[in-house]
Protein backbone atom coordinates (compact mmCIF):
# COMPACT_ATOMS: atom_id res chain seq x y z
CA MET A 1 -2.22 -6.32 0.07
CA PRO A 2 1.19 -4.64 -0.16
CA GLU A 3 1.11 -1.25 1.52
CA LEU A 4 3.19 1.90 1.16
CA PRO A 5 6.52 0.38 2.33
CA GLU A 6 6.20 -2.66 0.08
CA VAL A 7 5.24 -0.69 -3.02
CA GLU A 8 7.96 1.88 -2.30
CA THR A 9 10.45 -0.98 -2.08
CA ILE A 10 9.30 -2.36 -5.43
CA ALA A 11 9.64 1.09 -7.01
CA ARG A 12 13.13 1.62 -5.60
CA GLU A 13 14.34 -1.77 -6.76
CA LEU A 14 12.81 -1.48 -10.23
CA ARG A 15 14.10 2.06 -10.86
CA PRO A 16 17.77 1.22 -11.61
CA LEU A 17 16.69 -1.79 -13.64
CA LEU A 18 14.16 0.00 -15.85
CA VAL A 19 14.99 3.69 -16.24
CA GLY A 20 16.20 4.29 -19.79
CA ALA A 21 14.77 1.03 -21.14
CA ARG A 22 12.47 1.02 -24.16
CA ILE A 23 9.33 -1.13 -24.25
CA THR A 24 9.16 -2.94 -27.58
CA ASP A 25 6.01 -4.95 -26.99
CA ALA A 26 3.55 -6.10 -24.34
CA TRP A 27 1.71 -9.37 -23.84
CA PHE A 28 -1.07 -10.35 -21.45
CA ASP A 29 -3.54 -13.22 -21.18
CA TRP A 30 -5.99 -11.79 -18.64
CA PRO A 31 -7.78 -8.78 -20.23
CA ASN A 32 -9.66 -7.98 -17.02
CA GLN A 33 -6.39 -6.68 -15.57
CA ILE A 34 -6.20 -3.93 -18.20
CA LYS A 35 -8.19 -0.93 -16.97
CA HIS A 36 -7.27 1.62 -19.67
CA PRO A 37 -7.21 1.81 -22.62
CA ALA A 38 -9.30 -1.08 -23.99
CA PRO A 39 -7.31 -4.35 -23.77
CA GLU A 40 -7.11 -4.66 -27.55
CA GLN A 41 -5.42 -1.23 -27.69
CA PHE A 42 -3.12 -1.57 -24.67
CA ALA A 43 -0.11 -3.30 -26.27
CA ALA A 44 0.05 -0.87 -29.20
CA ALA A 45 -0.36 2.12 -26.85
CA VAL A 46 2.60 1.14 -24.68
CA ARG A 47 4.89 0.01 -27.52
CA ASP A 48 8.10 2.00 -28.28
CA ARG A 49 7.89 4.17 -25.17
CA HIS A 50 10.95 4.76 -23.00
CA ILE A 51 10.75 4.37 -19.23
CA LEU A 52 11.80 7.71 -17.73
CA ASP A 53 11.21 7.04 -14.03
CA VAL A 54 9.64 4.57 -11.60
CA GLN A 55 7.72 6.12 -8.72
CA ARG A 56 4.97 5.30 -6.24
CA ARG A 57 1.63 6.93 -5.45
CA ALA A 58 -0.24 5.39 -2.52
CA LYS A 59 -0.25 1.63 -3.27
CA TRP A 60 0.32 2.08 -7.02
CA LEU A 61 3.53 1.83 -9.01
CA VAL A 62 3.78 4.71 -11.47
CA LEU A 63 6.12 4.35 -14.44
CA ASP A 64 6.66 7.66 -16.24
CA LEU A 65 6.96 6.97 -19.96
CA SER A 66 7.96 9.04 -22.96
CA GLY A 67 5.20 10.80 -24.85
CA ASP A 68 3.63 12.20 -21.65
CA ALA A 69 2.32 8.78 -20.65
CA THR A 70 2.09 6.97 -17.33
CA LEU A 71 1.94 3.21 -16.86
CA ALA A 72 0.21 2.46 -13.56
CA ILE A 73 0.51 -0.97 -11.94
CA GLN A 74 -1.18 -2.17 -8.77
CA VAL A 75 0.08 -5.58 -7.68
CA LYS A 76 -2.80 -6.10 -5.24
CA MET A 77 -2.71 -9.24 -3.06
CA THR A 78 -0.59 -11.68 -5.03
CA GLY A 79 1.17 -9.70 -7.76
CA GLN A 80 4.95 -9.91 -8.07
CA LEU A 81 7.10 -7.93 -10.52
CA SER A 82 10.48 -9.04 -11.80
CA VAL A 83 12.95 -8.07 -14.52
CA VAL A 84 14.40 -11.19 -16.15
CA SER A 85 15.99 -12.52 -19.31
CA PRO A 86 13.49 -13.83 -21.88
CA ASP A 87 14.67 -17.40 -21.41
CA ALA A 88 14.07 -17.32 -17.64
CA SER A 89 11.60 -19.99 -16.56
CA ARG A 90 8.01 -18.86 -16.25
CA ASP A 91 4.87 -20.52 -14.95
CA LYS A 92 1.17 -20.28 -15.66
CA HIS A 93 0.76 -17.39 -13.19
CA VAL A 94 2.72 -14.90 -15.32
CA HIS A 95 -0.14 -12.92 -16.85
CA ALA A 96 1.59 -9.83 -18.27
CA THR A 97 4.97 -9.27 -19.89
CA PHE A 98 6.68 -6.13 -21.21
CA ASN A 99 9.52 -6.85 -23.64
CA LEU A 100 12.43 -4.41 -23.45
CA ALA A 101 14.74 -3.42 -26.29
CA ASP A 102 17.81 -4.90 -24.56
CA GLY A 103 16.20 -8.34 -24.47
CA ARG A 104 14.99 -8.34 -20.87
CA GLN A 105 11.36 -8.65 -19.76
CA LEU A 106 9.33 -6.99 -17.04
CA ARG A 107 6.94 -9.67 -15.83
CA LEU A 108 3.85 -9.53 -13.63
CA ARG A 109 3.19 -12.83 -11.87
CA ASP A 110 -0.20 -12.83 -10.17
CA THR A 111 -1.71 -16.10 -8.90
CA ARG A 112 -5.14 -14.62 -8.12
CA LYS A 113 -5.24 -12.18 -11.04
CA PHE A 114 -6.24 -9.22 -8.87
CA GLY A 115 -3.51 -6.88 -10.19
CA ARG A 116 -4.40 -3.92 -12.38
CA LEU A 117 -2.65 -2.15 -15.26
CA GLY A 118 -3.46 1.11 -16.98
CA LEU A 119 -1.83 3.50 -19.44
CA TYR A 120 -2.77 7.14 -18.94
CA ARG A 121 -1.81 10.59 -20.19
CA ARG A 122 -0.10 13.31 -18.15
CA ASP A 123 -0.42 17.05 -18.53
CA ASP A 124 2.49 19.51 -18.15
CA ALA A 125 1.99 19.57 -14.37
CA GLY A 126 2.18 15.77 -14.16
CA THR A 127 -1.53 15.32 -13.47
CA ILE A 128 -2.96 12.02 -14.67
CA LEU A 129 -5.62 12.49 -17.33
CA GLY A 130 -7.93 10.22 -19.26
CA ALA A 131 -10.36 7.60 -18.08
CA ASP A 132 -12.68 7.98 -15.11
CA GLU A 133 -10.76 5.33 -13.18
CA ALA A 134 -7.60 7.43 -13.51
CA ARG A 135 -9.28 10.28 -11.67
CA GLU A 136 -10.52 7.86 -9.03
CA LEU A 137 -7.13 6.22 -8.61
CA PHE A 138 -4.91 9.28 -8.66
CA GLY A 139 -7.17 12.20 -7.88
CA ASP A 140 -8.86 11.17 -4.63
CA PHE A 141 -5.92 10.08 -2.49
CA GLY A 142 -5.06 11.89 0.70
CA PRO A 143 -1.55 13.21 1.37
CA GLU A 144 1.47 10.93 1.42
CA PRO A 145 2.32 10.38 5.12
CA LEU A 146 6.10 10.53 4.51
CA ASP A 147 5.98 13.68 2.38
CA PRO A 148 8.14 16.34 4.12
CA ALA A 149 5.38 18.84 3.38
CA PHE A 150 2.89 16.79 5.40
CA THR A 151 3.42 18.13 8.91
CA ALA A 152 2.14 17.08 12.31
CA ALA A 153 -0.07 20.17 12.31
CA ALA A 154 -1.59 19.15 8.97
CA PHE A 155 -2.24 15.65 10.30
CA ARG A 156 -3.90 17.07 13.42
CA ARG A 157 -6.17 19.29 11.32
CA ARG A 158 -7.26 16.35 9.16
CA LEU A 159 -7.87 14.24 12.24
CA ALA A 160 -9.90 16.95 13.96
CA ALA A 161 -12.22 17.17 10.98
CA ARG A 162 -13.18 13.48 11.15
CA ARG A 163 -15.33 11.43 13.50
CA GLY A 164 -14.53 7.83 12.55
CA ARG A 165 -12.57 5.16 14.39
CA LEU A 166 -8.81 5.61 14.24
CA LYS A 167 -8.02 2.28 12.55
CA THR A 168 -10.69 2.80 9.91
CA LEU A 169 -9.51 6.35 9.32
CA LEU A 170 -5.83 5.45 8.91
CA MET A 171 -6.77 2.89 6.25
CA ASP A 172 -8.99 5.35 4.37
CA GLN A 173 -7.00 6.22 1.23
CA GLY A 174 -8.84 9.53 1.01
CA PHE A 175 -7.50 10.44 4.46
CA LEU A 176 -3.91 9.21 3.98
CA ALA A 177 -2.37 7.50 0.98
CA GLY A 178 -0.81 4.07 1.24
CA VAL A 179 -1.50 2.97 4.82
CA GLY A 180 -3.11 -0.46 5.20
CA ASN A 181 -3.88 -3.10 7.77
CA ILE A 182 -0.38 -4.00 8.94
CA TYR A 183 1.01 -0.53 9.55
CA ALA A 184 -2.21 0.89 10.96
CA ASP A 185 -2.06 -1.79 13.68
CA GLU A 186 1.63 -1.19 14.30
CA ALA A 187 1.37 2.61 14.43
CA LEU A 188 -1.58 2.54 16.83
CA TRP A 189 0.24 0.14 19.13
CA ARG A 190 3.34 2.32 19.12
CA ALA A 191 1.22 5.39 19.83
CA GLN A 192 -0.75 3.53 22.55
CA LEU A 193 -4.09 4.36 20.97
CA HIS A 194 -6.94 1.84 20.67
CA PRO A 195 -8.01 1.06 17.08
CA LEU A 196 -11.68 1.66 17.97
CA ARG A 197 -10.99 5.03 19.48
CA SER A 198 -12.87 7.92 17.90
CA ALA A 199 -10.77 10.50 16.08
CA ALA A 200 -12.88 13.19 17.74
CA GLY A 201 -11.48 12.25 21.15
CA VAL A 202 -7.79 12.42 20.23
CA ASN A 203 -6.05 15.42 21.77
CA ALA A 204 -3.16 17.36 20.27
CA THR A 205 -0.47 15.42 22.16
CA GLN A 206 -1.90 12.07 21.09
CA ALA A 207 -2.25 13.24 17.50
CA ARG A 208 1.41 14.29 17.39
CA ARG A 209 2.42 10.92 18.85
CA LEU A 210 0.37 9.01 16.27
CA TYR A 211 1.81 11.15 13.48
CA ARG A 212 5.35 10.47 14.70
CA GLU A 213 4.86 6.73 15.19
CA LEU A 214 3.09 6.26 11.87
CA ARG A 215 5.90 7.92 9.98
CA SER A 216 8.47 6.00 12.04
CA VAL A 217 7.02 2.56 11.34
CA LEU A 218 6.57 3.31 7.63
CA ALA A 219 10.16 4.54 7.33
CA GLU A 220 11.49 1.51 9.22
CA ALA A 221 9.50 -0.85 7.00
CA ILE A 222 10.95 0.76 3.88
CA GLU A 223 14.45 0.34 5.28
CA ARG A 224 13.68 -3.33 5.92
CA ARG A 225 12.23 -3.69 2.39
CA GLY A 226 8.68 -4.36 3.56
CA SER A 227 6.90 -7.23 5.27
CA SER A 228 6.95 -10.52 3.37
CA VAL A 229 3.72 -11.92 4.73
CA ASP A 230 1.44 -13.89 2.42
CA ASP A 231 2.60 -13.41 -1.20
CA TYR A 232 4.61 -10.17 -1.12
CA ARG A 233 8.06 -10.37 -2.70
CA SER A 234 10.03 -7.45 -4.08
CA PRO A 235 12.05 -7.76 -7.32
CA LEU A 236 15.10 -8.62 -5.18
CA GLY A 237 13.36 -11.10 -2.88
CA GLU A 238 11.78 -11.13 0.57
CA GLY A 239 11.62 -8.20 2.92
CA GLU A 240 12.51 -8.36 6.62
CA MET A 241 9.96 -6.18 8.41
CA GLN A 242 7.75 -9.17 9.26
CA HIS A 243 10.39 -10.17 11.83
CA PHE A 244 10.03 -6.82 13.61
CA LEU A 245 6.25 -6.42 13.77
CA GLN A 246 5.03 -5.98 17.35
CA VAL A 247 1.31 -6.81 17.18
CA TYR A 248 0.19 -7.64 13.64
CA GLY A 249 -0.43 -11.39 13.39
CA LYS A 250 0.60 -11.90 17.05
CA THR A 251 -2.78 -12.97 18.47
CA GLY A 252 -2.38 -14.45 21.94
CA ARG A 253 1.32 -13.68 22.22
CA PRO A 254 2.65 -11.40 24.99
CA CYS A 255 2.57 -7.69 24.28
CA PRO A 256 6.21 -6.54 23.93
CA ARG A 257 5.42 -3.61 26.23
CA CYS A 258 3.34 -5.05 29.08
CA GLY A 259 3.33 -8.82 28.59
CA ARG A 260 -0.43 -9.22 28.37
CA PRO A 261 -1.81 -11.21 25.41
CA ILE A 262 -2.35 -9.46 22.10
CA ARG A 263 -6.01 -9.45 21.10
CA ARG A 264 -7.61 -9.73 17.68
CA ILE A 265 -10.96 -8.41 16.53
CA VAL A 266 -12.51 -8.03 13.10
CA LEU A 267 -13.12 -4.43 12.06
CA ASN A 268 -14.54 -3.67 8.64
CA ALA A 269 -13.82 -7.27 7.62
CA ARG A 270 -10.12 -6.87 8.48
CA SER A 271 -8.17 -8.47 11.31
CA THR A 272 -7.15 -5.88 13.89
CA HIS A 273 -4.46 -6.57 16.49
CA PHE A 274 -3.86 -4.58 19.67
CA CYS A 275 -3.11 -4.70 23.41
CA SER A 276 -6.21 -3.83 25.42
CA TRP A 277 -4.04 -2.82 28.39
CA CYS A 278 -1.54 -0.56 26.62
CA GLN A 279 -4.13 0.78 24.20
CA ARG A 280 -6.98 1.68 26.53
CA LEU A 281 -10.37 2.47 25.02
CA PRO A 282 -11.94 5.53 26.70
CA ALA A 283 -15.31 5.03 28.38
CA ARG A 284 -17.20 7.10 25.82
CA ASP A 285 -15.84 4.93 23.03
CA ARG A 286 -16.65 1.73 24.93
CA LEU A 287 -20.23 2.95 25.07
CA ARG A 288 -20.19 3.68 21.35
CA GLN A 289 -18.73 0.22 20.73
CA GLY A 290 -21.61 -1.28 22.67
CA GLN A 291 -24.01 0.45 20.31
CA ARG A 292 -22.16 -0.90 17.27
CA PRO A 293 -20.85 -4.37 18.21
CA VAL A 294 -17.53 -5.62 16.89
CA ARG A 295 -17.13 -9.38 16.43
CA ARG A 296 -14.36 -10.81 18.58
CA VAL A 297 -12.27 -13.71 17.30
CA PRO A 298 -10.77 -16.27 19.71
CA ALA A 299 -7.02 -16.48 19.94
CA ALA A 300 -5.48 -19.05 17.62
């Protein structure tokens, strides 16, 4: 699923195309994608609203609309957004369309129909109000890792309060917003920390290094417009970060740092890539791993 850099890229590329536009109508053919309000009310609720800004929160696109409204879009695994002329060719996988007053359309193409849409209210402070899912989606996220206000000291304090495995923790949206499988693997490799390592055993120096490398890889991925693996495409096409990944998807290939083969295990049903030489697992965590086995997957 697109992570922070990919969704940030989509937001940045949509912003100059959409800010100032007025939505005249909306169409969809997969009601399950509409989370709020009820699908039969959604098109009327979004109609005649101006798009004031396009932002990102965690892995969600957030379109600020007139009338203190917010249109939230999560593209999930296969969703792709584009702004096109109404006569542009479309296929059966376009499941939502927003008509704009100037004749263009914002389209959501989603082959697996996992994407989600919701229209919510904002209060004067910008807080999302309304349905229960709005509170779940926007109220329970951890801090944004690239927020200037999120310091290394704040990261260390959050880490010290947790006892889970580092990879699992980095992907926990309540711990940090927007980090997923790809960039958790990459940040841990850069920081030379094993994905199964317990957060409780990370010292201050290691925590600062992980903080620095996580922010570095996320910023680099944004500059390279994300990683176009699987189905991710931004409104302006493919990203480039997939060509610069060091361990993700590199099972069996030489580690760029030491030359030993990259390993792959399955952790919480997700592929996890690392170098067992560069990213040593401390003895106490090896013992804990023995108590809670992790399934190993042979190299491809």
